[in-house]
PDB file of all heavy atoms in Angstrom:
ATOM      1  N   LYS A   1       0.796  -1.225   0.000  1.00  0.00           N
ATOM      2  CA  LYS A   1       0.000   0.000   0.000  1.00  0.00           C
ATOM      3  C   LYS A   1       0.831   1.280   0.000  1.00  0.00           C
ATOM      4  O   LYS A   1       0.309   2.349  -0.294  1.00  0.00           O
ATOM      5  CB  LYS A   1      -0.939  -0.003   1.209  1.00  0.00           C
ATOM      6  CG  LYS A   1      -1.970  -1.111   1.098  1.00  0.00           C
ATOM      7  CD  LYS A   1      -2.948  -1.060   2.218  1.00  0.00           C
ATOM      8  CE  LYS A   1      -3.954  -2.196   2.037  1.00  0.00           C
ATOM      9  NZ  LYS A   1      -5.021  -2.124   2.996  1.00  0.00           N
ATOM     10  N   ALA A   2       2.088   1.184   0.346  1.00  0.00           N
ATOM     11  CA  ALA A   2       2.933   2.379   0.416  1.00  0.00           C
ATOM     12  C   ALA A   2       3.253   2.874  -0.987  1.00  0.00           C
ATOM     13  O   ALA A   2       3.408   2.079  -1.914  1.00  0.00           O
ATOM     14  CB  ALA A   2       4.218   2.071   1.161  1.00  0.00           C
ATOM     15  N   PRO A   3       3.328   4.176  -1.152  1.00  0.00           N
ATOM     16  CA  PRO A   3       3.686   4.712  -2.465  1.00  0.00           C
ATOM     17  C   PRO A   3       5.085   4.245  -2.885  1.00  0.00           C
ATOM     18  O   PRO A   3       5.925   3.912  -2.048  1.00  0.00           O
ATOM     19  CB  PRO A   3       3.681   6.231  -2.251  1.00  0.00           C
ATOM     20  CG  PRO A   3       2.958   6.467  -0.981  1.00  0.00           C
ATOM     21  CD  PRO A   3       3.053   5.213  -0.180  1.00  0.00           C
ATOM     22  N   GLU A   4       5.295   4.233  -4.181  1.00  0.00           N
ATOM     23  CA  GLU A   4       6.573   3.799  -4.749  1.00  0.00           C
ATOM     24  C   GLU A   4       7.718   4.649  -4.191  1.00  0.00           C
ATOM     25  O   GLU A   4       7.626   5.865  -4.139  1.00  0.00           O
ATOM     26  CB  GLU A   4       6.524   3.954  -6.269  1.00  0.00           C
ATOM     27  CG  GLU A   4       7.653   3.267  -7.004  1.00  0.00           C
ATOM     28  CD  GLU A   4       7.513   1.752  -6.997  1.00  0.00           C
ATOM     29  OE1 GLU A   4       6.384   1.249  -6.939  1.00  0.00           O
ATOM     30  OE2 GLU A   4       8.554   1.095  -7.025  1.00  0.00           O
ATOM     31  N   GLY A   5       8.788   4.029  -3.747  1.00  0.00           N
ATOM     32  CA  GLY A   5       9.959   4.751  -3.274  1.00  0.00           C
ATOM     33  C   GLY A   5       9.913   5.152  -1.803  1.00  0.00           C
ATOM     34  O   GLY A   5      10.884   5.655  -1.270  1.00  0.00           O
ATOM     35  N   LEU A   6       8.779   4.919  -1.127  1.00  0.00           N
ATOM     36  CA  LEU A   6       8.680   5.301   0.279  1.00  0.00           C
ATOM     37  C   LEU A   6       9.626   4.474   1.144  1.00  0.00           C
ATOM     38  O   LEU A   6      10.253   4.991   2.062  1.00  0.00           O
ATOM     39  CB  LEU A   6       7.238   5.161   0.786  1.00  0.00           C
ATOM     40  CG  LEU A   6       7.004   5.585   2.226  1.00  0.00           C
ATOM     41  CD1 LEU A   6       7.280   7.082   2.374  1.00  0.00           C
ATOM     42  CD2 LEU A   6       5.599   5.268   2.661  1.00  0.00           C
ATOM     43  N   GLY A   7       9.750   3.190   0.821  1.00  0.00           N
ATOM     44  CA  GLY A   7      10.665   2.324   1.575  1.00  0.00           C
ATOM     45  C   GLY A   7      12.100   2.789   1.478  1.00  0.00           C
ATOM     46  O   GLY A   7      12.843   2.799   2.453  1.00  0.00           O
ATOM     47  N   ASP A   8      12.477   3.234   0.260  1.00  0.00           N
ATOM     48  CA  ASP A   8      13.837   3.749   0.074  1.00  0.00           C
ATOM     49  C   ASP A   8      14.049   5.017   0.886  1.00  0.00           C
ATOM     50  O   ASP A   8      15.082   5.197   1.528  1.00  0.00           O
ATOM     51  CB  ASP A   8      14.102   4.045  -1.409  1.00  0.00           C
ATOM     52  CG  ASP A   8      14.089   2.772  -2.257  1.00  0.00           C
ATOM     53  OD1 ASP A   8      14.306   1.688  -1.684  1.00  0.00           O
ATOM     54  OD2 ASP A   8      13.861   2.884  -3.478  1.00  0.00           O
ATOM     55  N   LYS A   9      13.060   5.903   0.847  1.00  0.00           N
ATOM     56  CA  LYS A   9      13.165   7.148   1.611  1.00  0.00           C
ATOM     57  C   LYS A   9      13.235   6.865   3.104  1.00  0.00           C
ATOM     58  O   LYS A   9      14.012   7.487   3.831  1.00  0.00           O
ATOM     59  CB  LYS A   9      11.975   8.077   1.318  1.00  0.00           C
ATOM     60  CG  LYS A   9      12.007   8.697  -0.031  1.00  0.00           C
ATOM     61  CD  LYS A   9      13.133   9.699  -0.120  1.00  0.00           C
ATOM     62  CE  LYS A   9      13.143  10.352  -1.492  1.00  0.00           C
ATOM     63  NZ  LYS A   9      14.304  11.176  -1.697  1.00  0.00           N
ATOM     64  N   ALA A  10      12.419   5.924   3.575  1.00  0.00           N
ATOM     65  CA  ALA A  10      12.433   5.578   5.002  1.00  0.00           C
ATOM     66  C   ALA A  10      13.792   5.021   5.399  1.00  0.00           C
ATOM     67  O   ALA A  10      14.326   5.340   6.467  1.00  0.00           O
ATOM     68  CB  ALA A  10      11.334   4.566   5.314  1.00  0.00           C
ATOM     69  N   GLY A  11      14.380   4.216   4.532  1.00  0.00           N
ATOM     70  CA  GLY A  11      15.718   3.678   4.802  1.00  0.00           C
ATOM     71  C   GLY A  11      16.763   4.770   4.874  1.00  0.00           C
ATOM     72  O   GLY A  11      17.644   4.764   5.738  1.00  0.00           O
ATOM     73  N   GLN A  12      16.658   5.752   3.956  1.00  0.00           N
ATOM     74  CA  GLN A  12      17.600   6.868   3.964  1.00  0.00           C
ATOM     75  C   GLN A  12      17.460   7.690   5.237  1.00  0.00           C
ATOM     76  O   GLN A  12      18.458   8.078   5.857  1.00  0.00           O
ATOM     77  CB  GLN A  12      17.363   7.766   2.749  1.00  0.00           C
ATOM     78  CG  GLN A  12      17.802   7.161   1.445  1.00  0.00           C
ATOM     79  CD  GLN A  12      17.412   8.023   0.247  1.00  0.00           C
ATOM     80  OE1 GLN A  12      16.669   8.987   0.396  1.00  0.00           O
ATOM     81  NE2 GLN A  12      17.899   7.658  -0.935  1.00  0.00           N
ATOM     82  N   VAL A  13      16.213   7.951   5.635  1.00  0.00           N
ATOM     83  CA  VAL A  13      15.970   8.720   6.861  1.00  0.00           C
ATOM     84  C   VAL A  13      16.536   7.981   8.067  1.00  0.00           C
ATOM     85  O   VAL A  13      17.174   8.579   8.948  1.00  0.00           O
ATOM     86  CB  VAL A  13      14.460   9.003   7.043  1.00  0.00           C
ATOM     87  CG1 VAL A  13      14.164   9.544   8.430  1.00  0.00           C
ATOM     88  CG2 VAL A  13      13.982   9.969   5.979  1.00  0.00           C
ATOM     89  N   ALA A  14      16.339   6.668   8.111  1.00  0.00           N
ATOM     90  CA  ALA A  14      16.856   5.873   9.235  1.00  0.00           C
ATOM     91  C   ALA A  14      18.377   5.921   9.277  1.00  0.00           C
ATOM     92  O   ALA A  14      18.974   6.059  10.359  1.00  0.00           O
ATOM     93  CB  ALA A  14      16.370   4.426   9.122  1.00  0.00           C
ATOM     94  N   ARG A  15      19.031   5.836   8.112  1.00  0.00           N
ATOM     95  CA  ARG A  15      20.504   5.897   8.085  1.00  0.00           C
ATOM     96  C   ARG A  15      21.008   7.254   8.558  1.00  0.00           C
ATOM     97  O   ARG A  15      21.955   7.346   9.332  1.00  0.00           O
ATOM     98  CB  ARG A  15      21.019   5.580   6.682  1.00  0.00           C
ATOM     99  CG  ARG A  15      21.006   4.093   6.358  1.00  0.00           C
ATOM    100  CD  ARG A  15      21.746   3.799   5.059  1.00  0.00           C
ATOM    101  NE  ARG A  15      21.077   4.356   3.884  1.00  0.00           N
ATOM    102  CZ  ARG A  15      20.045   3.801   3.255  1.00  0.00           C
ATOM    103  NH1 ARG A  15      19.558   2.661   3.697  1.00  0.00           N
ATOM    104  NH2 ARG A  15      19.509   4.365   2.193  1.00  0.00           N
ATOM    105  N   VAL A  16      20.362   8.325   8.107  1.00  0.00           N
ATOM    106  CA  VAL A  16      20.764   9.675   8.527  1.00  0.00           C
ATOM    107  C   VAL A  16      20.546   9.842  10.029  1.00  0.00           C
ATOM    108  O   VAL A  16      21.387  10.397  10.738  1.00  0.00           O
ATOM    109  CB  VAL A  16      19.977  10.753   7.734  1.00  0.00           C
ATOM    110  CG1 VAL A  16      20.165  12.123   8.349  1.00  0.00           C
ATOM    111  CG2 VAL A  16      20.425  10.752   6.276  1.00  0.00           C
ATOM    112  N   ALA A  17      19.421   9.329  10.529  1.00  0.00           N
ATOM    113  CA  ALA A  17      19.128   9.439  11.961  1.00  0.00           C
ATOM    114  C   ALA A  17      20.171   8.689  12.779  1.00  0.00           C
ATOM    115  O   ALA A  17      20.594   9.159  13.835  1.00  0.00           O
ATOM    116  CB  ALA A  17      17.732   8.894  12.256  1.00  0.00           C
ATOM    117  N   ARG A  18      20.601   7.527  12.292  1.00  0.00           N
ATOM    118  CA  ARG A  18      21.623   6.766  13.026  1.00  0.00           C
ATOM    119  C   ARG A  18      22.944   7.530  13.050  1.00  0.00           C
ATOM    120  O   ARG A  18      23.642   7.539  14.049  1.00  0.00           O
ATOM    121  CB  ARG A  18      21.824   5.397  12.384  1.00  0.00           C
ATOM    122  CG  ARG A  18      20.895   4.366  12.942  1.00  0.00           C
ATOM    123  CD  ARG A  18      21.266   2.960  12.472  1.00  0.00           C
ATOM    124  NE  ARG A  18      20.054   2.357  11.949  1.00  0.00           N
ATOM    125  CZ  ARG A  18      19.790   2.117  10.676  1.00  0.00           C
ATOM    126  NH1 ARG A  18      20.673   2.366   9.751  1.00  0.00           N
ATOM    127  NH2 ARG A  18      18.645   1.593  10.313  1.00  0.00           N
ATOM    128  N   ARG A  19      23.294   8.156  11.922  1.00  0.00           N
ATOM    129  CA  ARG A  19      24.562   8.887  11.858  1.00  0.00           C
ATOM    130  C   ARG A  19      24.535  10.153  12.699  1.00  0.00           C
ATOM    131  O   ARG A  19      25.542  10.555  13.259  1.00  0.00           O
ATOM    132  CB  ARG A  19      24.888   9.268  10.411  1.00  0.00           C
ATOM    133  CG  ARG A  19      25.677   8.187   9.709  1.00  0.00           C
ATOM    134  CD  ARG A  19      26.157   8.651   8.351  1.00  0.00           C
ATOM    135  NE  ARG A  19      25.165   8.200   7.378  1.00  0.00           N
ATOM    136  CZ  ARG A  19      24.646   8.943   6.414  1.00  0.00           C
ATOM    137  NH1 ARG A  19      25.015  10.172   6.254  1.00  0.00           N
ATOM    138  NH2 ARG A  19      23.752   8.458   5.594  1.00  0.00           N
ATOM    139  N   ARG A  20      23.379  10.787  12.794  1.00  0.00           N
ATOM    140  CA  ARG A  20      23.275  12.067  13.501  1.00  0.00           C
ATOM    141  C   ARG A  20      22.422  11.935  14.751  1.00  0.00           C
ATOM    142  O   ARG A  20      21.579  12.766  15.040  1.00  0.00           O
ATOM    143  CB  ARG A  20      22.684  13.108  12.565  1.00  0.00           C
ATOM    144  CG  ARG A  20      23.579  13.318  11.363  1.00  0.00           C
ATOM    145  CD  ARG A  20      23.075  14.359  10.471  1.00  0.00           C
ATOM    146  NE  ARG A  20      23.966  14.489   9.325  1.00  0.00           N
ATOM    147  CZ  ARG A  20      23.654  15.157   8.255  1.00  0.00           C
ATOM    148  NH1 ARG A  20      22.511  15.768   8.172  1.00  0.00           N
ATOM    149  NH2 ARG A  20      24.505  15.231   7.267  1.00  0.00           N
ATOM    150  N   ARG A  21      22.672  10.906  15.492  1.00  0.00           N
ATOM    151  CA  ARG A  21      21.881  10.603  16.682  1.00  0.00           C
ATOM    152  C   ARG A  21      21.974  11.700  17.732  1.00  0.00           C
ATOM    153  O   ARG A  21      20.980  12.067  18.344  1.00  0.00           O
ATOM    154  CB  ARG A  21      22.364   9.272  17.267  1.00  0.00           C
ATOM    155  CG  ARG A  21      21.444   8.692  18.287  1.00  0.00           C
ATOM    156  CD  ARG A  21      21.882   7.308  18.675  1.00  0.00           C
ATOM    157  NE  ARG A  21      21.543   6.407  17.588  1.00  0.00           N
ATOM    158  CZ  ARG A  21      22.110   5.240  17.386  1.00  0.00           C
ATOM    159  NH1 ARG A  21      23.057   4.828  18.170  1.00  0.00           N
ATOM    160  NH2 ARG A  21      21.751   4.467  16.402  1.00  0.00           N
ATOM    161  N   GLY A  22      23.143  12.267  17.948  1.00  0.00           N
ATOM    162  CA  GLY A  22      23.335  13.309  18.965  1.00  0.00           C
ATOM    163  C   GLY A  22      22.511  14.546  18.704  1.00  0.00           C
ATOM    164  O   GLY A  22      21.711  14.966  19.554  1.00  0.00           O
ATOM    165  N   PRO A  23      22.672  15.175  17.526  1.00  0.00           N
ATOM    166  CA  PRO A  23      21.876  16.381  17.242  1.00  0.00           C
ATOM    167  C   PRO A  23      20.366  16.094  17.252  1.00  0.00           C
ATOM    168  O   PRO A  23      19.583  16.914  17.732  1.00  0.00           O
ATOM    169  CB  PRO A  23      22.341  16.804  15.844  1.00  0.00           C
ATOM    170  CG  PRO A  23      23.703  16.226  15.705  1.00  0.00           C
ATOM    171  CD  PRO A  23      23.693  14.956  16.492  1.00  0.00           C
ATOM    172  N   LEU A  24      19.964  14.949  16.739  1.00  0.00           N
ATOM    173  CA  LEU A  24      18.540  14.618  16.738  1.00  0.00           C
ATOM    174  C   LEU A  24      18.012  14.467  18.160  1.00  0.00           C
ATOM    175  O   LEU A  24      16.894  14.884  18.467  1.00  0.00           O
ATOM    176  CB  LEU A  24      18.285  13.345  15.934  1.00  0.00           C
ATOM    177  CG  LEU A  24      18.337  13.506  14.422  1.00  0.00           C
ATOM    178  CD1 LEU A  24      18.196  12.159  13.733  1.00  0.00           C
ATOM    179  CD2 LEU A  24      17.254  14.443  13.940  1.00  0.00           C
ATOM    180  N   SER A  25      18.814  13.885  19.024  1.00  0.00           N
ATOM    181  CA  SER A  25      18.404  13.744  20.426  1.00  0.00           C
ATOM    182  C   SER A  25      18.248  15.115  21.070  1.00  0.00           C
ATOM    183  O   SER A  25      17.303  15.354  21.825  1.00  0.00           O
ATOM    184  CB  SER A  25      19.433  12.930  21.210  1.00  0.00           C
ATOM    185  OG  SER A  25      19.513  11.631  20.693  1.00  0.00           O
ATOM    186  N   ALA A  26      19.162  16.022  20.771  1.00  0.00           N
ATOM    187  CA  ALA A  26      19.083  17.376  21.333  1.00  0.00           C
ATOM    188  C   ALA A  26      17.814  18.083  20.855  1.00  0.00           C
ATOM    189  O   ALA A  26      17.110  18.720  21.648  1.00  0.00           O
ATOM    190  CB  ALA A  26      20.323  18.178  20.934  1.00  0.00           C
ATOM    191  N   VAL A  27      17.497  17.953  19.569  1.00  0.00           N
ATOM    192  CA  VAL A  27      16.291  18.569  19.028  1.00  0.00           C
ATOM    193  C   VAL A  27      15.057  17.958  19.692  1.00  0.00           C
ATOM    194  O   VAL A  27      14.117  18.673  20.068  1.00  0.00           O
ATOM    195  CB  VAL A  27      16.231  18.400  17.488  1.00  0.00           C
ATOM    196  CG1 VAL A  27      14.868  18.764  16.942  1.00  0.00           C
ATOM    197  CG2 VAL A  27      17.314  19.237  16.833  1.00  0.00           C
ATOM    198  N   ALA A  28      15.061  16.633  19.870  1.00  0.00           N
ATOM    199  CA  ALA A  28      13.917  15.971  20.502  1.00  0.00           C
ATOM    200  C   ALA A  28      13.722  16.470  21.928  1.00  0.00           C
ATOM    201  O   ALA A  28      12.586  16.708  22.370  1.00  0.00           O
ATOM    202  CB  ALA A  28      14.121  14.460  20.491  1.00  0.00           C
ATOM    203  N   VAL A  29      14.810  16.679  22.669  1.00  0.00           N
ATOM    204  CA  VAL A  29      14.711  17.177  24.042  1.00  0.00           C
ATOM    205  C   VAL A  29      14.132  18.594  24.049  1.00  0.00           C
ATOM    206  O   VAL A  29      13.263  18.916  24.864  1.00  0.00           O
ATOM    207  CB  VAL A  29      16.097  17.135  24.735  1.00  0.00           C
ATOM    208  CG1 VAL A  29      16.088  17.918  26.025  1.00  0.00           C
ATOM    209  CG2 VAL A  29      16.508  15.698  24.985  1.00  0.00           C
ATOM    210  N   VAL A  30      14.585  19.439  23.127  1.00  0.00           N
ATOM    211  CA  VAL A  30      14.078  20.810  23.055  1.00  0.00           C
ATOM    212  C   VAL A  30      12.588  20.807  22.740  1.00  0.00           C
ATOM    213  O   VAL A  30      11.796  21.510  23.383  1.00  0.00           O
ATOM    214  CB  VAL A  30      14.873  21.634  22.011  1.00  0.00           C
ATOM    215  CG1 VAL A  30      14.199  22.962  21.733  1.00  0.00           C
ATOM    216  CG2 VAL A  30      16.301  21.843  22.488  1.00  0.00           C
ATOM    217  N   VAL A  31      12.179  20.005  21.774  1.00  0.00           N
ATOM    218  CA  VAL A  31      10.755  19.919  21.412  1.00  0.00           C
ATOM    219  C   VAL A  31       9.941  19.430  22.604  1.00  0.00           C
ATOM    220  O   VAL A  31       8.870  19.964  22.909  1.00  0.00           O
ATOM    221  CB  VAL A  31      10.565  19.001  20.185  1.00  0.00           C
ATOM    222  CG1 VAL A  31       9.097  18.663  19.969  1.00  0.00           C
ATOM    223  CG2 VAL A  31      11.158  19.651  18.949  1.00  0.00           C
ATOM    224  N   LEU A  32      10.442  18.441  23.287  1.00  0.00           N
ATOM    225  CA  LEU A  32       9.754  17.909  24.460  1.00  0.00           C
ATOM    226  C   LEU A  32       9.603  18.983  25.538  1.00  0.00           C
ATOM    227  O   LEU A  32       8.530  19.136  26.136  1.00  0.00           O
ATOM    228  CB  LEU A  32      10.511  16.695  25.014  1.00  0.00           C
ATOM    229  CG  LEU A  32       9.875  15.965  26.177  1.00  0.00           C
ATOM    230  CD1 LEU A  32       8.537  15.374  25.765  1.00  0.00           C
ATOM    231  CD2 LEU A  32      10.794  14.886  26.677  1.00  0.00           C
ATOM    232  N   LEU A  33      10.660  19.740  25.792  1.00  0.00           N
ATOM    233  CA  LEU A  33      10.588  20.810  26.788  1.00  0.00           C
ATOM    234  C   LEU A  33       9.565  21.870  26.389  1.00  0.00           C
ATOM    235  O   LEU A  33       8.810  22.367  27.235  1.00  0.00           O
ATOM    236  CB  LEU A  33      11.967  21.441  26.992  1.00  0.00           C
ATOM    237  CG  LEU A  33      12.993  20.575  27.722  1.00  0.00           C
ATOM    238  CD1 LEU A  33      14.353  21.265  27.694  1.00  0.00           C
ATOM    239  CD2 LEU A  33      12.564  20.307  29.134  1.00  0.00           C
ATOM    240  N   VAL A  34       9.529  22.236  25.105  1.00  0.00           N
ATOM    241  CA  VAL A  34       8.559  23.226  24.629  1.00  0.00           C
ATOM    242  C   VAL A  34       7.143  22.698  24.842  1.00  0.00           C
ATOM    243  O   VAL A  34       6.269  23.426  25.330  1.00  0.00           O
ATOM    244  CB  VAL A  34       8.818  23.568  23.143  1.00  0.00           C
ATOM    245  CG1 VAL A  34       7.658  24.347  22.551  1.00  0.00           C
ATOM    246  CG2 VAL A  34      10.118  24.342  23.006  1.00  0.00           C
ATOM    247  N   LEU A  35       6.914  21.447  24.505  1.00  0.00           N
ATOM    248  CA  LEU A  35       5.575  20.869  24.677  1.00  0.00           C
ATOM    249  C   LEU A  35       5.170  20.818  26.150  1.00  0.00           C
ATOM    250  O   LEU A  35       4.028  21.119  26.495  1.00  0.00           O
ATOM    251  CB  LEU A  35       5.519  19.469  24.065  1.00  0.00           C
ATOM    252  CG  LEU A  35       5.592  19.410  22.536  1.00  0.00           C
ATOM    253  CD1 LEU A  35       5.659  17.957  22.069  1.00  0.00           C
ATOM    254  CD2 LEU A  35       4.411  20.109  21.915  1.00  0.00           C
ATOM    255  N   VAL A  36       6.090  20.465  27.008  1.00  0.00           N
ATOM    256  CA  VAL A  36       5.790  20.415  28.445  1.00  0.00           C
ATOM    257  C   VAL A  36       5.467  21.812  28.952  1.00  0.00           C
ATOM    258  O   VAL A  36       4.518  22.004  29.719  1.00  0.00           O
ATOM    259  CB  VAL A  36       6.986  19.793  29.224  1.00  0.00           C
ATOM    260  CG1 VAL A  36       6.845  20.005  30.706  1.00  0.00           C
ATOM    261  CG2 VAL A  36       7.101  18.312  28.901  1.00  0.00           C
ATOM    262  N   ARG A  37       6.206  22.811  28.523  1.00  0.00           N
ATOM    263  CA  ARG A  37       5.943  24.192  28.949  1.00  0.00           C
ATOM    264  C   ARG A  37       4.571  24.670  28.490  1.00  0.00           C
ATOM    265  O   ARG A  37       3.846  25.303  29.229  1.00  0.00           O
ATOM    266  CB  ARG A  37       7.010  25.119  28.396  1.00  0.00           C
ATOM    267  CG  ARG A  37       8.026  25.454  29.396  1.00  0.00           C
ATOM    268  CD  ARG A  37       8.767  26.681  29.009  1.00  0.00           C
ATOM    269  NE  ARG A  37       9.776  26.832  30.047  1.00  0.00           N
ATOM    270  CZ  ARG A  37      10.819  27.569  29.942  1.00  0.00           C
ATOM    271  NH1 ARG A  37      11.037  28.231  28.836  1.00  0.00           N
ATOM    272  NH2 ARG A  37      11.669  27.661  30.917  1.00  0.00           N
ATOM    273  N   LYS A  38       4.249  24.357  27.243  1.00  0.00           N
ATOM    274  CA  LYS A  38       2.945  24.760  26.715  1.00  0.00           C
ATOM    275  C   LYS A  38       1.827  24.112  27.514  1.00  0.00           C
ATOM    276  O   LYS A  38       0.836  24.745  27.846  1.00  0.00           O
ATOM    277  CB  LYS A  38       2.824  24.371  25.240  1.00  0.00           C
ATOM    278  CG  LYS A  38       3.420  25.357  24.302  1.00  0.00           C
ATOM    279  CD  LYS A  38       3.066  24.993  22.875  1.00  0.00           C
ATOM    280  CE  LYS A  38       3.536  26.058  21.932  1.00  0.00           C
ATOM    281  NZ  LYS A  38       3.102  25.779  20.557  1.00  0.00           N
TER     282      LYS A  38
END
C-alpha cells in the first residue's frame, strides 16, 4: 500500500538518523521541553 519509493526514503531517513543521533536527540529534548511548557 505504500507509495513507490517510500521504503527507500524511510531507509535513507533511518541511516541519517543513526549517523546524527546526537543532534537529533538534542532537538527531541528541546521539542519535548517546549511541549511540556505549553
